Amino acid sequence: MATTFDLSGKSILITGAARGFGRALAIGAAQAGAAVAAFDLDADLLGVQALLHHMDPATGGVVLNLASPTAAMPFRRSSPPQEEKP
């Protein structure tokens, strides 16, 4: 499949990645070269996770409920300090 855009070197987080549009977006982004972090409530995500990991080992999926305020905390990356503007 030919891609129409290049996401090499980019990271993308996709929720609802177990099926439908989220699944298609996760697979398409990985095919375009992105490192994909796929999230879903549904354990069907495990099949998508295996497919994504096969395409790129830096890609993965996690089954969790993002409605919980602390669910994604282990995946949080600290932001660099923001420069103050005068």
N, C-alpha and C. Protein backbone atom coordinates (compact mmCIF):
# COMPACT_ATOMS: atom_id res chain seq x y z
N MET A 1 0.84 -1.18 0.00
CA MET A 1 0.00 0.00 0.00
C MET A 1 0.88 1.25 0.00
N ALA A 2 0.66 2.13 -0.92
CA ALA A 2 1.42 3.37 -1.00
C ALA A 2 0.85 4.38 -0.02
N THR A 3 1.73 5.07 0.69
CA THR A 3 1.27 6.10 1.61
C THR A 3 1.33 7.45 0.91
N THR A 4 0.43 8.32 1.27
CA THR A 4 0.41 9.65 0.67
C THR A 4 1.09 10.67 1.55
N PHE A 5 1.54 10.26 2.72
CA PHE A 5 2.23 11.17 3.62
C PHE A 5 3.24 10.38 4.45
N ASP A 6 4.21 11.10 5.02
CA ASP A 6 5.28 10.47 5.78
C ASP A 6 5.21 10.93 7.23
N LEU A 7 5.08 9.98 8.14
CA LEU A 7 5.05 10.29 9.56
C LEU A 7 6.29 9.76 10.28
N SER A 8 7.34 9.47 9.51
CA SER A 8 8.58 8.97 10.10
C SER A 8 9.09 9.94 11.16
N GLY A 9 9.50 9.38 12.30
CA GLY A 9 10.02 10.21 13.38
C GLY A 9 8.96 10.86 14.24
N LYS A 10 7.70 10.65 13.92
CA LYS A 10 6.59 11.22 14.69
C LYS A 10 6.00 10.16 15.61
N SER A 11 5.41 10.61 16.70
CA SER A 11 4.69 9.72 17.62
C SER A 11 3.24 10.14 17.62
N ILE A 12 2.35 9.15 17.69
CA ILE A 12 0.91 9.45 17.69
C ILE A 12 0.22 8.56 18.70
N LEU A 13 -0.67 9.14 19.47
CA LEU A 13 -1.48 8.41 20.44
C LEU A 13 -2.89 8.33 19.88
N ILE A 14 -3.42 7.11 19.81
CA ILE A 14 -4.75 6.91 19.25
C ILE A 14 -5.61 6.18 20.27
N THR A 15 -6.76 6.77 20.60
CA THR A 15 -7.72 6.11 21.47
C THR A 15 -8.79 5.45 20.61
N GLY A 16 -9.44 4.44 21.16
CA GLY A 16 -10.46 3.72 20.40
C GLY A 16 -9.83 2.92 19.28
N ALA A 17 -8.63 2.38 19.52
CA ALA A 17 -7.85 1.74 18.46
C ALA A 17 -8.17 0.27 18.22
N ALA A 18 -9.11 -0.31 18.94
CA ALA A 18 -9.39 -1.74 18.78
C ALA A 18 -10.16 -2.06 17.51
N ARG A 19 -10.97 -1.12 17.05
CA ARG A 19 -11.78 -1.40 15.86
C ARG A 19 -12.22 -0.12 15.19
N GLY A 20 -12.78 -0.27 14.03
CA GLY A 20 -13.34 0.86 13.30
C GLY A 20 -12.31 1.89 12.89
N PHE A 21 -12.71 3.16 12.99
CA PHE A 21 -11.86 4.26 12.55
C PHE A 21 -10.55 4.31 13.32
N GLY A 22 -10.61 4.08 14.63
CA GLY A 22 -9.39 4.11 15.44
C GLY A 22 -8.39 3.06 15.00
N ARG A 23 -8.87 1.87 14.70
CA ARG A 23 -8.00 0.78 14.22
C ARG A 23 -7.38 1.16 12.88
N ALA A 24 -8.20 1.65 11.96
CA ALA A 24 -7.70 2.04 10.65
C ALA A 24 -6.67 3.16 10.76
N LEU A 25 -6.92 4.11 11.65
CA LEU A 25 -6.00 5.23 11.85
C LEU A 25 -4.68 4.73 12.44
N ALA A 26 -4.74 3.83 13.41
CA ALA A 26 -3.52 3.29 14.02
C ALA A 26 -2.68 2.55 12.99
N ILE A 27 -3.31 1.71 12.19
CA ILE A 27 -2.58 0.94 11.18
C ILE A 27 -2.02 1.87 10.10
N GLY A 28 -2.83 2.81 9.64
CA GLY A 28 -2.37 3.75 8.62
C GLY A 28 -1.21 4.61 9.10
N ALA A 29 -1.28 5.08 10.34
CA ALA A 29 -0.20 5.90 10.89
C ALA A 29 1.09 5.09 11.00
N ALA A 30 0.97 3.84 11.42
CA ALA A 30 2.15 2.97 11.51
C ALA A 30 2.73 2.70 10.13
N GLN A 31 1.87 2.49 9.14
CA GLN A 31 2.34 2.27 7.77
C GLN A 31 3.04 3.51 7.21
N ALA A 32 2.64 4.68 7.69
CA ALA A 32 3.26 5.92 7.25
C ALA A 32 4.52 6.23 8.04
N GLY A 33 4.91 5.34 8.97
CA GLY A 33 6.17 5.49 9.67
C GLY A 33 6.11 6.00 11.09
N ALA A 34 4.93 6.30 11.62
CA ALA A 34 4.82 6.82 12.98
C ALA A 34 4.99 5.72 14.02
N ALA A 35 5.50 6.11 15.18
CA ALA A 35 5.48 5.24 16.35
C ALA A 35 4.10 5.45 16.97
N VAL A 36 3.31 4.41 17.06
CA VAL A 36 1.92 4.53 17.48
C VAL A 36 1.73 3.95 18.88
N ALA A 37 1.08 4.73 19.75
CA ALA A 37 0.63 4.25 21.05
C ALA A 37 -0.88 4.13 20.93
N ALA A 38 -1.38 2.89 20.94
CA ALA A 38 -2.81 2.63 20.73
C ALA A 38 -3.47 2.28 22.05
N PHE A 39 -4.60 2.92 22.34
CA PHE A 39 -5.33 2.68 23.58
C PHE A 39 -6.77 2.30 23.28
N ASP A 40 -7.35 1.43 24.11
CA ASP A 40 -8.77 1.08 24.00
C ASP A 40 -9.20 0.36 25.27
N LEU A 41 -10.50 0.41 25.54
CA LEU A 41 -11.10 -0.35 26.64
C LEU A 41 -11.19 -1.83 26.31
N ASP A 42 -11.30 -2.12 25.04
CA ASP A 42 -11.62 -3.46 24.55
C ASP A 42 -10.36 -4.30 24.37
N ALA A 43 -10.41 -5.54 24.83
CA ALA A 43 -9.27 -6.44 24.68
C ALA A 43 -9.02 -6.81 23.22
N ASP A 44 -9.93 -6.48 22.30
CA ASP A 44 -9.67 -6.68 20.88
C ASP A 44 -8.44 -5.90 20.44
N LEU A 45 -8.05 -4.91 21.25
CA LEU A 45 -6.87 -4.13 20.94
C LEU A 45 -5.63 -5.02 20.89
N LEU A 46 -5.63 -6.12 21.57
CA LEU A 46 -4.46 -6.98 21.61
C LEU A 46 -4.09 -7.48 20.21
N GLY A 47 -5.08 -7.73 19.36
CA GLY A 47 -4.81 -8.12 17.98
C GLY A 47 -4.18 -6.98 17.21
N VAL A 48 -4.67 -5.77 17.42
CA VAL A 48 -4.12 -4.59 16.76
C VAL A 48 -2.69 -4.36 17.29
N GLN A 49 -2.51 -4.55 18.59
CA GLN A 49 -1.19 -4.37 19.19
C GLN A 49 -0.16 -5.29 18.53
N ALA A 50 -0.53 -6.55 18.34
CA ALA A 50 0.39 -7.50 17.71
C ALA A 50 0.72 -7.08 16.29
N LEU A 51 -0.28 -6.60 15.54
CA LEU A 51 -0.06 -6.15 14.17
C LEU A 51 0.86 -4.95 14.14
N LEU A 52 0.60 -3.97 15.00
CA LEU A 52 1.43 -2.77 15.04
C LEU A 52 2.86 -3.11 15.44
N HIS A 53 3.01 -3.96 16.43
CA HIS A 53 4.35 -4.33 16.90
C HIS A 53 5.12 -5.06 15.80
N HIS A 54 4.43 -5.85 15.01
CA HIS A 54 5.07 -6.53 13.89
C HIS A 54 5.59 -5.52 12.87
N MET A 55 4.83 -4.44 12.67
CA MET A 55 5.22 -3.41 11.71
C MET A 55 6.39 -2.58 12.24
N ASP A 56 6.39 -2.33 13.57
CA ASP A 56 7.45 -1.52 14.18
C ASP A 56 7.49 -1.84 15.67
N PRO A 57 8.58 -2.40 16.16
CA PRO A 57 8.67 -2.75 17.58
C PRO A 57 8.52 -1.57 18.54
N ALA A 58 8.69 -0.32 18.05
CA ALA A 58 8.50 0.86 18.90
C ALA A 58 7.03 1.18 19.09
N THR A 59 6.18 0.46 18.39
CA THR A 59 4.75 0.70 18.41
C THR A 59 4.09 -0.30 19.35
N GLY A 60 3.03 0.12 20.02
CA GLY A 60 2.37 -0.80 20.92
C GLY A 60 0.96 -0.39 21.23
N GLY A 61 0.30 -1.24 22.01
CA GLY A 61 -1.07 -0.96 22.40
C GLY A 61 -1.27 -1.29 23.87
N VAL A 62 -2.18 -0.58 24.48
CA VAL A 62 -2.48 -0.78 25.90
C VAL A 62 -3.98 -0.79 26.07
N VAL A 63 -4.48 -1.79 26.79
CA VAL A 63 -5.90 -1.86 27.09
C VAL A 63 -6.10 -1.15 28.42
N LEU A 64 -6.78 -0.01 28.41
CA LEU A 64 -7.08 0.72 29.64
C LEU A 64 -8.22 1.69 29.41
N ASN A 65 -8.77 2.17 30.50
CA ASN A 65 -9.90 3.09 30.48
C ASN A 65 -9.37 4.51 30.66
N LEU A 66 -9.33 5.27 29.59
CA LEU A 66 -8.81 6.64 29.67
C LEU A 66 -9.78 7.60 30.33
N ALA A 67 -10.98 7.12 30.69
CA ALA A 67 -11.92 7.96 31.43
C ALA A 67 -11.44 8.14 32.87
N SER A 68 -10.59 7.24 33.34
CA SER A 68 -10.01 7.36 34.67
C SER A 68 -8.91 8.41 34.64
N PRO A 69 -8.97 9.41 35.52
CA PRO A 69 -7.98 10.48 35.48
C PRO A 69 -6.53 10.02 35.65
N THR A 70 -6.31 8.90 36.30
CA THR A 70 -4.94 8.45 36.54
C THR A 70 -4.50 7.31 35.63
N ALA A 71 -5.37 6.85 34.75
CA ALA A 71 -5.06 5.68 33.92
C ALA A 71 -3.83 5.87 33.05
N ALA A 72 -3.66 7.03 32.49
CA ALA A 72 -2.56 7.26 31.56
C ALA A 72 -1.30 7.79 32.24
N MET A 73 -1.32 7.97 33.54
CA MET A 73 -0.17 8.53 34.23
C MET A 73 1.14 7.77 33.96
N PRO A 74 1.13 6.45 33.89
CA PRO A 74 2.40 5.76 33.62
C PRO A 74 2.98 6.08 32.24
N PHE A 75 2.16 6.61 31.34
CA PHE A 75 2.60 6.90 29.99
C PHE A 75 2.92 8.37 29.77
N ARG A 76 2.75 9.16 30.80
CA ARG A 76 2.96 10.59 30.71
C ARG A 76 4.45 10.89 30.61
N ARG A 77 4.79 11.75 29.71
CA ARG A 77 6.18 12.20 29.57
C ARG A 77 6.22 13.64 30.04
N SER A 78 7.18 13.95 30.88
CA SER A 78 7.24 15.32 31.37
C SER A 78 7.63 16.26 30.23
N SER A 79 7.00 17.39 30.22
CA SER A 79 7.26 18.38 29.18
C SER A 79 8.48 19.20 29.55
N PRO A 80 9.22 19.66 28.57
CA PRO A 80 10.34 20.54 28.89
C PRO A 80 9.80 21.86 29.44
N PRO A 81 10.57 22.52 30.26
CA PRO A 81 10.09 23.79 30.81
C PRO A 81 9.77 24.79 29.70
N GLN A 82 8.68 25.49 29.87
CA GLN A 82 8.27 26.49 28.88
C GLN A 82 9.03 27.78 29.12
N GLU A 83 9.47 28.40 28.06
CA GLU A 83 10.16 29.66 28.15
C GLU A 83 9.14 30.75 28.42
N GLU A 84 9.43 31.58 29.41
CA GLU A 84 8.50 32.67 29.71
C GLU A 84 8.62 33.75 28.66
N LYS A 85 7.47 34.21 28.22
CA LYS A 85 7.44 35.29 27.22
C LYS A 85 7.24 36.62 27.94
N PRO A 86 7.97 37.65 27.51
CA PRO A 86 7.83 38.97 28.18
C PRO A 86 6.50 39.60 27.93
